[in-house]
Amino acid sequence: MAINGNQIQQVETVLKNSLRHKFLNYNPEPSVMPFHTRLLGKDRMALFSFIHSLNTNFGTSIFEPVALALGAAKFKITKSQATAGTHISESAQRVIQDIMDNLTTGRVHPNKIEEIEKIRKVCRIGDYRTVKPTKVDVWLESEDGELYLIDIKTAKPNKGGFKEFKRTLLEWIACVLAENPKASINSLIAIPYNPYAPKPYSRWTMAGMLDLKKELMVAEEFWDFLGGKGAYTQLLDIFERVGIELRPEIDNYFNKFNKK
């Protein structure tokens, strides 16, 4: 079994607490949709609104703590919403901009290993600039000190965002190497599930920005990386089991909207 009993309990607790917290604190924004409501019913419209609201923070309230629970058995350090650093050398900034320019114009193909080494060579050259990079959603450190800095994205991120995703991944590298030039480091995007399954994940081929082998993990690849082979399937079973257990609470919550 990839996910052990303690991890299963942690994941179940995360799911139950997250849903119950949402039930207690969710306050639908006023939205009068008379035709939809009369056709589908108040409870279904409330469910639609609730799911939309839940999706906006699914990453921080569910995916991040679940990732930490799975990674705890494999990694020495696991933390969320971590800071990669606060300083980048001027030379590293120039290298990052050169990488971005070359990728944007299509002059080169993304190659994360080469990109990291280019940044490493200049990570302490020139004055340091104070920066405030995006927080690292999931920070992992293996027993031998290898770092994995992960940005969890929605299943269908906007096409225009890939350029900024790439810059963030490179800035994390530069920040860490400014502190420790010899660090063994990876930075990548994680997509929790594949909305195109059983077809391969395809999102505008990531706009030519990401090294798909080194900077992207989707669905099984991501969760099995954290929890071991089979973790993704187990995780889906856990979600289903918790959903069945909480079904009376879920139904009761939405039934009250028909009484209004």
Foldseek 3Di string as FASTA:
>chain_A
DLADPVLLVQLLVLVVVLVVVCLVPPDFDDDDDPVCCVVPNQLVVVVVRSVVVCVVCCLPSHVLSSLQSQQVVFFPDKDAQAFLAFKFAPQLVVLLVVLLVCQLVVVDFDDPVVSLVSLLVCLQPHDIDTDGAGGQGMWTAGPVGEIEGEDEDEQADDLVCLSVLLSSQSVSSSRNCNVPSPGHYAYAYEYQAAPPPPPDRDHPVSSSRDPCVGHYDYHQRSQCVRRNHPRSVVSVVSVVVSCVVCVVVSCVSSVVSNVD
